[in-house]
Amino acid sequence: QWPEIMEFLFQSANSSHSALKESALIIFEAFPGIFGNQAEQLTQIIHQIFLNCLNDQDSKVRYTAAQAFAAYLKHNCEKTQLLNIHRDCLPYLIS
């Protein structure tokens, strides 16, 4: 595990700069299992990142967030409890 990459991803996803958010989301999309065995511990942080980015003012960030979120859901498709936590993000996929 690389704590530095996780810190970079979380800082970038929460940045006020759209390009940094997009970069983090592209990495999340390409590697939806990047959180490894920490995914459950980080569920609330991951959830907040997706919720914020899916509701971002920048349409590119929203689009990239939707793609990353879909990849994350697909990667975790058998973890029902985890998926239930993210239900409130679903309406943002169609808005």
PDB file of N, CA and C in Angstrom:
ATOM      1  N   GLN A   1       0.831  -1.190   0.000  1.00  0.00           N
ATOM      2  CA  GLN A   1       0.000   0.000   0.000  1.00  0.00           C
ATOM      3  C   GLN A   1       0.867   1.242   0.000  1.00  0.00           C
ATOM      4  N   TRP A   2       0.330   2.270  -0.597  1.00  0.00           N
ATOM      5  CA  TRP A   2       1.034   3.542  -0.673  1.00  0.00           C
ATOM      6  C   TRP A   2       0.215   4.610   0.032  1.00  0.00           C
ATOM      7  N   PRO A   3       0.543   4.915   1.270  1.00  0.00           N
ATOM      8  CA  PRO A   3      -0.227   5.943   1.975  1.00  0.00           C
ATOM      9  C   PRO A   3      -0.161   7.300   1.269  1.00  0.00           C
ATOM     10  N   GLU A   4       0.952   7.543   0.577  1.00  0.00           N
ATOM     11  CA  GLU A   4       1.103   8.825  -0.120  1.00  0.00           C
ATOM     12  C   GLU A   4       0.079   8.973  -1.245  1.00  0.00           C
ATOM     13  N   ILE A   5      -0.166   7.887  -1.985  1.00  0.00           N
ATOM     14  CA  ILE A   5      -1.122   7.967  -3.093  1.00  0.00           C
ATOM     15  C   ILE A   5      -2.531   8.143  -2.553  1.00  0.00           C
ATOM     16  N   MET A   6      -2.839   7.492  -1.438  1.00  0.00           N
ATOM     17  CA  MET A   6      -4.165   7.648  -0.844  1.00  0.00           C
ATOM     18  C   MET A   6      -4.370   9.091  -0.390  1.00  0.00           C
ATOM     19  N   GLU A   7      -3.363   9.647   0.246  1.00  0.00           N
ATOM     20  CA  GLU A   7      -3.456  11.039   0.696  1.00  0.00           C
ATOM     21  C   GLU A   7      -3.629  11.969  -0.501  1.00  0.00           C
ATOM     22  N   PHE A   8      -2.860  11.738  -1.557  1.00  0.00           N
ATOM     23  CA  PHE A   8      -2.978  12.545  -2.774  1.00  0.00           C
ATOM     24  C   PHE A   8      -4.383  12.447  -3.351  1.00  0.00           C
ATOM     25  N   LEU A   9      -4.924  11.235  -3.439  1.00  0.00           N
ATOM     26  CA  LEU A   9      -6.257  11.041  -4.005  1.00  0.00           C
ATOM     27  C   LEU A   9      -7.320  11.765  -3.192  1.00  0.00           C
ATOM     28  N   PHE A  10      -7.263  11.636  -1.884  1.00  0.00           N
ATOM     29  CA  PHE A  10      -8.267  12.277  -1.044  1.00  0.00           C
ATOM     30  C   PHE A  10      -8.141  13.801  -1.092  1.00  0.00           C
ATOM     31  N   GLN A  11      -6.917  14.302  -1.076  1.00  0.00           N
ATOM     32  CA  GLN A  11      -6.726  15.755  -1.171  1.00  0.00           C
ATOM     33  C   GLN A  11      -7.182  16.272  -2.526  1.00  0.00           C
ATOM     34  N   SER A  12      -6.857  15.565  -3.583  1.00  0.00           N
ATOM     35  CA  SER A  12      -7.242  15.990  -4.934  1.00  0.00           C
ATOM     36  C   SER A  12      -8.752  15.942  -5.119  1.00  0.00           C
ATOM     37  N   ALA A  13      -9.378  14.892  -4.636  1.00  0.00           N
ATOM     38  CA  ALA A  13     -10.832  14.750  -4.780  1.00  0.00           C
ATOM     39  C   ALA A  13     -11.581  15.822  -4.008  1.00  0.00           C
ATOM     40  N   ASN A  14     -10.962  16.365  -2.979  1.00  0.00           N
ATOM     41  CA  ASN A  14     -11.589  17.413  -2.171  1.00  0.00           C
ATOM     42  C   ASN A  14     -11.064  18.804  -2.509  1.00  0.00           C
ATOM     43  N   SER A  15     -10.288  18.909  -3.545  1.00  0.00           N
ATOM     44  CA  SER A  15      -9.700  20.183  -3.957  1.00  0.00           C
ATOM     45  C   SER A  15     -10.758  21.127  -4.516  1.00  0.00           C
ATOM     46  N   SER A  16     -10.445  22.400  -4.511  1.00  0.00           N
ATOM     47  CA  SER A  16     -11.333  23.380  -5.147  1.00  0.00           C
ATOM     48  C   SER A  16     -11.035  23.475  -6.644  1.00  0.00           C
ATOM     49  N   HIS A  17      -9.984  22.799  -7.098  1.00  0.00           N
ATOM     50  CA  HIS A  17      -9.602  22.816  -8.508  1.00  0.00           C
ATOM     51  C   HIS A  17     -10.202  21.606  -9.232  1.00  0.00           C
ATOM     52  N   SER A  18     -10.994  21.879 -10.230  1.00  0.00           N
ATOM     53  CA  SER A  18     -11.683  20.820 -10.975  1.00  0.00           C
ATOM     54  C   SER A  18     -10.721  19.811 -11.586  1.00  0.00           C
ATOM     55  N   ALA A  19      -9.601  20.286 -12.102  1.00  0.00           N
ATOM     56  CA  ALA A  19      -8.642  19.382 -12.747  1.00  0.00           C
ATOM     57  C   ALA A  19      -8.091  18.354 -11.757  1.00  0.00           C
ATOM     58  N   LEU A  20      -7.851  18.772 -10.532  1.00  0.00           N
ATOM     59  CA  LEU A  20      -7.363  17.830  -9.519  1.00  0.00           C
ATOM     60  C   LEU A  20      -8.442  16.817  -9.159  1.00  0.00           C
ATOM     61  N   LYS A  21      -9.682  17.281  -9.035  1.00  0.00           N
ATOM     62  CA  LYS A  21     -10.788  16.359  -8.753  1.00  0.00           C
ATOM     63  C   LYS A  21     -10.898  15.321  -9.860  1.00  0.00           C
ATOM     64  N   GLU A  22     -10.860  15.800 -11.101  1.00  0.00           N
ATOM     65  CA  GLU A  22     -10.958  14.883 -12.240  1.00  0.00           C
ATOM     66  C   GLU A  22      -9.829  13.857 -12.225  1.00  0.00           C
ATOM     67  N   SER A  23      -8.620  14.300 -11.924  1.00  0.00           N
ATOM     68  CA  SER A  23      -7.471  13.384 -11.884  1.00  0.00           C
ATOM     69  C   SER A  23      -7.690  12.274 -10.867  1.00  0.00           C
ATOM     70  N   ALA A  24      -8.135  12.645  -9.681  1.00  0.00           N
ATOM     71  CA  ALA A  24      -8.393  11.645  -8.642  1.00  0.00           C
ATOM     72  C   ALA A  24      -9.493  10.687  -9.078  1.00  0.00           C
ATOM     73  N   LEU A  25     -10.544  11.220  -9.674  1.00  0.00           N
ATOM     74  CA  LEU A  25     -11.669  10.386 -10.101  1.00  0.00           C
ATOM     75  C   LEU A  25     -11.275   9.431 -11.225  1.00  0.00           C
ATOM     76  N   ILE A  26     -10.406   9.876 -12.111  1.00  0.00           N
ATOM     77  CA  ILE A  26      -9.918   9.007 -13.190  1.00  0.00           C
ATOM     78  C   ILE A  26      -9.137   7.831 -12.599  1.00  0.00           C
ATOM     79  N   ILE A  27      -8.347   8.104 -11.575  1.00  0.00           N
ATOM     80  CA  ILE A  27      -7.606   7.031 -10.904  1.00  0.00           C
ATOM     81  C   ILE A  27      -8.578   6.091 -10.199  1.00  0.00           C
ATOM     82  N   PHE A  28      -9.590   6.653  -9.514  1.00  0.00           N
ATOM     83  CA  PHE A  28     -10.608   5.815  -8.865  1.00  0.00           C
ATOM     84  C   PHE A  28     -11.296   4.920  -9.888  1.00  0.00           C
ATOM     85  N   GLU A  29     -11.596   5.478 -11.057  1.00  0.00           N
ATOM     86  CA  GLU A  29     -12.273   4.692 -12.098  1.00  0.00           C
ATOM     87  C   GLU A  29     -11.375   3.569 -12.618  1.00  0.00           C
ATOM     88  N   ALA A  30     -10.122   3.892 -12.877  1.00  0.00           N
ATOM     89  CA  ALA A  30      -9.192   2.908 -13.432  1.00  0.00           C
ATOM     90  C   ALA A  30      -8.844   1.808 -12.426  1.00  0.00           C
ATOM     91  N   PHE A  31      -8.832   2.163 -11.151  1.00  0.00           N
ATOM     92  CA  PHE A  31      -8.455   1.219 -10.093  1.00  0.00           C
ATOM     93  C   PHE A  31      -9.481   1.259  -8.960  1.00  0.00           C
ATOM     94  N   PRO A  32     -10.702   0.771  -9.214  1.00  0.00           N
ATOM     95  CA  PRO A  32     -11.746   0.870  -8.189  1.00  0.00           C
ATOM     96  C   PRO A  32     -11.444   0.082  -6.916  1.00  0.00           C
ATOM     97  N   GLY A  33     -10.496  -0.822  -6.977  1.00  0.00           N
ATOM     98  CA  GLY A  33     -10.104  -1.579  -5.791  1.00  0.00           C
ATOM     99  C   GLY A  33      -8.886  -1.002  -5.101  1.00  0.00           C
ATOM    100  N   ILE A  34      -8.543   0.226  -5.429  1.00  0.00           N
ATOM    101  CA  ILE A  34      -7.331   0.858  -4.903  1.00  0.00           C
ATOM    102  C   ILE A  34      -7.322   0.933  -3.377  1.00  0.00           C
ATOM    103  N   PHE A  35      -8.489   0.925  -2.765  1.00  0.00           N
ATOM    104  CA  PHE A  35      -8.565   1.059  -1.314  1.00  0.00           C
ATOM    105  C   PHE A  35      -8.238  -0.240  -0.596  1.00  0.00           C
ATOM    106  N   GLY A  36      -8.221  -1.337  -1.350  1.00  0.00           N
ATOM    107  CA  GLY A  36      -7.848  -2.636  -0.791  1.00  0.00           C
ATOM    108  C   GLY A  36      -8.635  -2.996   0.443  1.00  0.00           C
ATOM    109  N   ASN A  37      -7.919  -3.515   1.447  1.00  0.00           N
ATOM    110  CA  ASN A  37      -8.596  -3.950   2.668  1.00  0.00           C
ATOM    111  C   ASN A  37      -9.015  -2.781   3.558  1.00  0.00           C
ATOM    112  N   GLN A  38      -8.703  -1.562   3.159  1.00  0.00           N
ATOM    113  CA  GLN A  38      -9.115  -0.379   3.918  1.00  0.00           C
ATOM    114  C   GLN A  38     -10.456   0.170   3.444  1.00  0.00           C
ATOM    115  N   ALA A  39     -11.018  -0.408   2.403  1.00  0.00           N
ATOM    116  CA  ALA A  39     -12.245   0.124   1.805  1.00  0.00           C
ATOM    117  C   ALA A  39     -13.365   0.270   2.825  1.00  0.00           C
ATOM    118  N   GLU A  40     -13.546  -0.731   3.658  1.00  0.00           N
ATOM    119  CA  GLU A  40     -14.633  -0.659   4.640  1.00  0.00           C
ATOM    120  C   GLU A  40     -14.371   0.418   5.680  1.00  0.00           C
ATOM    121  N   GLN A  41     -13.121   0.579   6.092  1.00  0.00           N
ATOM    122  CA  GLN A  41     -12.774   1.617   7.067  1.00  0.00           C
ATOM    123  C   GLN A  41     -12.954   3.013   6.479  1.00  0.00           C
ATOM    124  N   LEU A  42     -12.780   3.131   5.178  1.00  0.00           N
ATOM    125  CA  LEU A  42     -12.841   4.431   4.501  1.00  0.00           C
ATOM    126  C   LEU A  42     -14.192   4.691   3.840  1.00  0.00           C
ATOM    127  N   THR A  43     -15.167   3.844   4.104  1.00  0.00           N
ATOM    128  CA  THR A  43     -16.449   3.926   3.408  1.00  0.00           C
ATOM    129  C   THR A  43     -17.073   5.311   3.484  1.00  0.00           C
ATOM    130  N   GLN A  44     -17.102   5.903   4.652  1.00  0.00           N
ATOM    131  CA  GLN A  44     -17.747   7.213   4.798  1.00  0.00           C
ATOM    132  C   GLN A  44     -16.984   8.304   4.043  1.00  0.00           C
ATOM    133  N   ILE A  45     -15.676   8.226   4.039  1.00  0.00           N
ATOM    134  CA  ILE A  45     -14.866   9.204   3.301  1.00  0.00           C
ATOM    135  C   ILE A  45     -15.083   9.025   1.801  1.00  0.00           C
ATOM    136  N   ILE A  46     -15.060   7.787   1.338  1.00  0.00           N
ATOM    137  CA  ILE A  46     -15.290   7.492  -0.082  1.00  0.00           C
ATOM    138  C   ILE A  46     -16.676   7.964  -0.486  1.00  0.00           C
ATOM    139  N   HIS A  47     -17.648   7.681   0.363  1.00  0.00           N
ATOM    140  CA  HIS A  47     -19.029   8.093   0.093  1.00  0.00           C
ATOM    141  C   HIS A  47     -19.124   9.612  -0.052  1.00  0.00           C
ATOM    142  N   GLN A  48     -18.501  10.330   0.853  1.00  0.00           N
ATOM    143  CA  GLN A  48     -18.561  11.796   0.816  1.00  0.00           C
ATOM    144  C   GLN A  48     -17.879  12.347  -0.434  1.00  0.00           C
ATOM    145  N   ILE A  49     -16.788  11.744  -0.840  1.00  0.00           N
ATOM    146  CA  ILE A  49     -16.103  12.170  -2.066  1.00  0.00           C
ATOM    147  C   ILE A  49     -17.025  11.996  -3.264  1.00  0.00           C
ATOM    148  N   PHE A  50     -17.634  10.823  -3.386  1.00  0.00           N
ATOM    149  CA  PHE A  50     -18.537  10.599  -4.516  1.00  0.00           C
ATOM    150  C   PHE A  50     -19.729  11.546  -4.467  1.00  0.00           C
ATOM    151  N   LEU A  51     -20.311  11.712  -3.306  1.00  0.00           N
ATOM    152  CA  LEU A  51     -21.475  12.589  -3.176  1.00  0.00           C
ATOM    153  C   LEU A  51     -21.127  14.022  -3.571  1.00  0.00           C
ATOM    154  N   ASN A  52     -19.997  14.508  -3.085  1.00  0.00           N
ATOM    155  CA  ASN A  52     -19.569  15.875  -3.418  1.00  0.00           C
ATOM    156  C   ASN A  52     -19.261  16.028  -4.904  1.00  0.00           C
ATOM    157  N   CYS A  53     -18.549  15.076  -5.464  1.00  0.00           N
ATOM    158  CA  CYS A  53     -18.149  15.180  -6.873  1.00  0.00           C
ATOM    159  C   CYS A  53     -19.324  14.969  -7.827  1.00  0.00           C
ATOM    160  N   LEU A  54     -20.266  14.108  -7.458  1.00  0.00           N
ATOM    161  CA  LEU A  54     -21.452  13.908  -8.295  1.00  0.00           C
ATOM    162  C   LEU A  54     -22.360  15.133  -8.284  1.00  0.00           C
ATOM    163  N   ASN A  55     -22.191  15.974  -7.283  1.00  0.00           N
ATOM    164  CA  ASN A  55     -22.994  17.185  -7.136  1.00  0.00           C
ATOM    165  C   ASN A  55     -22.168  18.445  -7.416  1.00  0.00           C
ATOM    166  N   ASP A  56     -21.018  18.294  -8.024  1.00  0.00           N
ATOM    167  CA  ASP A  56     -20.115  19.414  -8.304  1.00  0.00           C
ATOM    168  C   ASP A  56     -20.715  20.365  -9.339  1.00  0.00           C
ATOM    169  N   GLN A  57     -20.295  21.617  -9.307  1.00  0.00           N
ATOM    170  CA  GLN A  57     -20.771  22.603 -10.282  1.00  0.00           C
ATOM    171  C   GLN A  57     -20.228  22.340 -11.678  1.00  0.00           C
ATOM    172  N   ASP A  58     -19.049  21.770 -11.762  1.00  0.00           N
ATOM    173  CA  ASP A  58     -18.395  21.521 -13.049  1.00  0.00           C
ATOM    174  C   ASP A  58     -18.935  20.226 -13.666  1.00  0.00           C
ATOM    175  N   SER A  59     -19.464  20.326 -14.860  1.00  0.00           N
ATOM    176  CA  SER A  59     -20.065  19.151 -15.511  1.00  0.00           C
ATOM    177  C   SER A  59     -19.035  18.063 -15.810  1.00  0.00           C
ATOM    178  N   LYS A  60     -17.785  18.442 -16.079  1.00  0.00           N
ATOM    179  CA  LYS A  60     -16.740  17.439 -16.326  1.00  0.00           C
ATOM    180  C   LYS A  60     -16.469  16.620 -15.062  1.00  0.00           C
ATOM    181  N   VAL A  61     -16.462  17.300 -13.931  1.00  0.00           N
ATOM    182  CA  VAL A  61     -16.250  16.605 -12.657  1.00  0.00           C
ATOM    183  C   VAL A  61     -17.418  15.655 -12.399  1.00  0.00           C
ATOM    184  N   ARG A  62     -18.635  16.122 -12.623  1.00  0.00           N
ATOM    185  CA  ARG A  62     -19.813  15.267 -12.418  1.00  0.00           C
ATOM    186  C   ARG A  62     -19.763  14.032 -13.316  1.00  0.00           C
ATOM    187  N   TYR A  63     -19.421  14.239 -14.583  1.00  0.00           N
ATOM    188  CA  TYR A  63     -19.347  13.125 -15.537  1.00  0.00           C
ATOM    189  C   TYR A  63     -18.269  12.120 -15.116  1.00  0.00           C
ATOM    190  N   THR A  64     -17.109  12.618 -14.767  1.00  0.00           N
ATOM    191  CA  THR A  64     -16.009  11.748 -14.355  1.00  0.00           C
ATOM    192  C   THR A  64     -16.356  11.034 -13.050  1.00  0.00           C
ATOM    193  N   ALA A  65     -17.027  11.743 -12.154  1.00  0.00           N
ATOM    194  CA  ALA A  65     -17.461  11.132 -10.892  1.00  0.00           C
ATOM    195  C   ALA A  65     -18.454  10.006 -11.156  1.00  0.00           C
ATOM    196  N   ALA A  66     -19.357  10.212 -12.105  1.00  0.00           N
ATOM    197  CA  ALA A  66     -20.336   9.175 -12.447  1.00  0.00           C
ATOM    198  C   ALA A  66     -19.632   7.929 -12.978  1.00  0.00           C
ATOM    199  N   GLN A  67     -18.633   8.123 -13.809  1.00  0.00           N
ATOM    200  CA  GLN A  67     -17.880   6.983 -14.342  1.00  0.00           C
ATOM    201  C   GLN A  67     -17.121   6.253 -13.230  1.00  0.00           C
ATOM    202  N   ALA A  68     -16.480   7.021 -12.352  1.00  0.00           N
ATOM    203  CA  ALA A  68     -15.729   6.423 -11.247  1.00  0.00           C
ATOM    204  C   ALA A  68     -16.666   5.705 -10.277  1.00  0.00           C
ATOM    205  N   PHE A  69     -17.807   6.318 -10.010  1.00  0.00           N
ATOM    206  CA  PHE A  69     -18.782   5.722  -9.101  1.00  0.00           C
ATOM    207  C   PHE A  69     -19.309   4.405  -9.672  1.00  0.00           C
ATOM    208  N   ALA A  70     -19.605   4.393 -10.960  1.00  0.00           N
ATOM    209  CA  ALA A  70     -20.082   3.167 -11.615  1.00  0.00           C
ATOM    210  C   ALA A  70     -19.031   2.060 -11.525  1.00  0.00           C
ATOM    211  N   ALA A  71     -17.772   2.403 -11.738  1.00  0.00           N
ATOM    212  CA  ALA A  71     -16.692   1.413 -11.639  1.00  0.00           C
ATOM    213  C   ALA A  71     -16.577   0.887 -10.209  1.00  0.00           C
ATOM    214  N   TYR A  72     -16.722   1.788  -9.240  1.00  0.00           N
ATOM    215  CA  TYR A  72     -16.651   1.404  -7.825  1.00  0.00           C
ATOM    216  C   TYR A  72     -17.803   0.459  -7.469  1.00  0.00           C
ATOM    217  N   LEU A  73     -19.017   0.784  -7.937  1.00  0.00           N
ATOM    218  CA  LEU A  73     -20.176  -0.071  -7.677  1.00  0.00           C
ATOM    219  C   LEU A  73     -19.992  -1.446  -8.315  1.00  0.00           C
ATOM    220  N   LYS A  74     -19.505  -1.455  -9.537  1.00  0.00           N
ATOM    221  CA  LYS A  74     -19.286  -2.725 -10.238  1.00  0.00           C
ATOM    222  C   LYS A  74     -18.248  -3.577  -9.509  1.00  0.00           C
ATOM    223  N   HIS A  75     -17.189  -2.935  -9.067  1.00  0.00           N
ATOM    224  CA  HIS A  75     -16.123  -3.642  -8.352  1.00  0.00           C
ATOM    225  C   HIS A  75     -16.638  -4.255  -7.045  1.00  0.00           C
ATOM    226  N   ASN A  76     -17.579  -3.571  -6.416  1.00  0.00           N
ATOM    227  CA  ASN A  76     -18.101  -4.001  -5.116  1.00  0.00           C
ATOM    228  C   ASN A  76     -19.505  -4.592  -5.202  1.00  0.00           C
ATOM    229  N   CYS A  77     -19.874  -5.099  -6.353  1.00  0.00           N
ATOM    230  CA  CYS A  77     -21.258  -5.521  -6.609  1.00  0.00           C
ATOM    231  C   CYS A  77     -21.780  -6.601  -5.668  1.00  0.00           C
ATOM    232  N   GLU A  78     -20.914  -7.352  -5.050  1.00  0.00           N
ATOM    233  CA  GLU A  78     -21.366  -8.419  -4.157  1.00  0.00           C
ATOM    234  C   GLU A  78     -21.393  -7.995  -2.689  1.00  0.00           C
ATOM    235  N   LYS A  79     -21.019  -6.768  -2.414  1.00  0.00           N
ATOM    236  CA  LYS A  79     -20.988  -6.269  -1.033  1.00  0.00           C
ATOM    237  C   LYS A  79     -22.227  -5.410  -0.786  1.00  0.00           C
ATOM    238  N   THR A  80     -23.340  -6.075  -0.524  1.00  0.00           N
ATOM    239  CA  THR A  80     -24.635  -5.410  -0.401  1.00  0.00           C
ATOM    240  C   THR A  80     -24.631  -4.307   0.647  1.00  0.00           C
ATOM    241  N   GLN A  81     -24.043  -4.550   1.789  1.00  0.00           N
ATOM    242  CA  GLN A  81     -24.021  -3.549   2.855  1.00  0.00           C
ATOM    243  C   GLN A  81     -23.269  -2.298   2.401  1.00  0.00           C
ATOM    244  N   LEU A  82     -22.176  -2.498   1.722  1.00  0.00           N
ATOM    245  CA  LEU A  82     -21.395  -1.376   1.209  1.00  0.00           C
ATOM    246  C   LEU A  82     -22.187  -0.598   0.166  1.00  0.00           C
ATOM    247  N   LEU A  83     -22.862  -1.309  -0.712  1.00  0.00           N
ATOM    248  CA  LEU A  83     -23.651  -0.657  -1.758  1.00  0.00           C
ATOM    249  C   LEU A  83     -24.805   0.145  -1.172  1.00  0.00           C
ATOM    250  N   ASN A  84     -25.412  -0.355  -0.113  1.00  0.00           N
ATOM    251  CA  ASN A  84     -26.523   0.360   0.516  1.00  0.00           C
ATOM    252  C   ASN A  84     -26.105   1.720   1.057  1.00  0.00           C
ATOM    253  N   ILE A  85     -24.882   1.831   1.491  1.00  0.00           N
ATOM    254  CA  ILE A  85     -24.378   3.101   2.019  1.00  0.00           C
ATOM    255  C   ILE A  85     -24.377   4.177   0.936  1.00  0.00           C
ATOM    256  N   HIS A  86     -24.186   3.768  -0.304  1.00  0.00           N
ATOM    257  CA  HIS A  86     -24.057   4.718  -1.412  1.00  0.00           C
ATOM    258  C   HIS A  86     -25.362   4.982  -2.158  1.00  0.00           C
ATOM    259  N   ARG A  87     -26.464   4.494  -1.650  1.00  0.00           N
ATOM    260  CA  ARG A  87     -27.745   4.661  -2.352  1.00  0.00           C
ATOM    261  C   ARG A  87     -28.103   6.113  -2.632  1.00  0.00           C
ATOM    262  N   ASP A  88     -27.780   7.006  -1.713  1.00  0.00           N
ATOM    263  CA  ASP A  88     -28.166   8.406  -1.919  1.00  0.00           C
ATOM    264  C   ASP A  88     -27.358   9.083  -3.024  1.00  0.00           C
ATOM    265  N   CYS A  89     -26.346   8.414  -3.536  1.00  0.00           N
ATOM    266  CA  CYS A  89     -25.582   8.947  -4.673  1.00  0.00           C
ATOM    267  C   CYS A  89     -26.267   8.640  -6.008  1.00  0.00           C
ATOM    268  N   LEU A  90     -27.094   7.616  -6.034  1.00  0.00           N
ATOM    269  CA  LEU A  90     -27.687   7.155  -7.292  1.00  0.00           C
ATOM    270  C   LEU A  90     -28.487   8.219  -8.042  1.00  0.00           C
ATOM    271  N   PRO A  91     -29.301   9.045  -7.388  1.00  0.00           N
ATOM    272  CA  PRO A  91     -30.053  10.057  -8.149  1.00  0.00           C
ATOM    273  C   PRO A  91     -29.160  11.020  -8.941  1.00  0.00           C
ATOM    274  N   TYR A  92     -27.950  11.239  -8.463  1.00  0.00           N
ATOM    275  CA  TYR A  92     -27.036  12.148  -9.162  1.00  0.00           C
ATOM    276  C   TYR A  92     -26.542  11.566 -10.488  1.00  0.00           C
ATOM    277  N   LEU A  93     -26.657  10.269 -10.645  1.00  0.00           N
ATOM    278  CA  LEU A  93     -26.236   9.641 -11.901  1.00  0.00           C
ATOM    279  C   LEU A  93     -27.180   9.976 -13.049  1.00  0.00           C
ATOM    280  N   ILE A  94     -28.417  10.307 -12.731  1.00  0.00           N
ATOM    281  CA  ILE A  94     -29.395  10.577 -13.790  1.00  0.00           C
ATOM    282  C   ILE A  94     -29.805  12.038 -13.861  1.00  0.00           C
ATOM    283  N   SER A  95     -29.219  12.873 -13.044  1.00  0.00           N
ATOM    284  CA  SER A  95     -29.606  14.292 -13.075  1.00  0.00           C
ATOM    285  C   SER A  95     -28.698  15.111 -13.961  1.00  0.00           C
TER     286      SER A  95
END
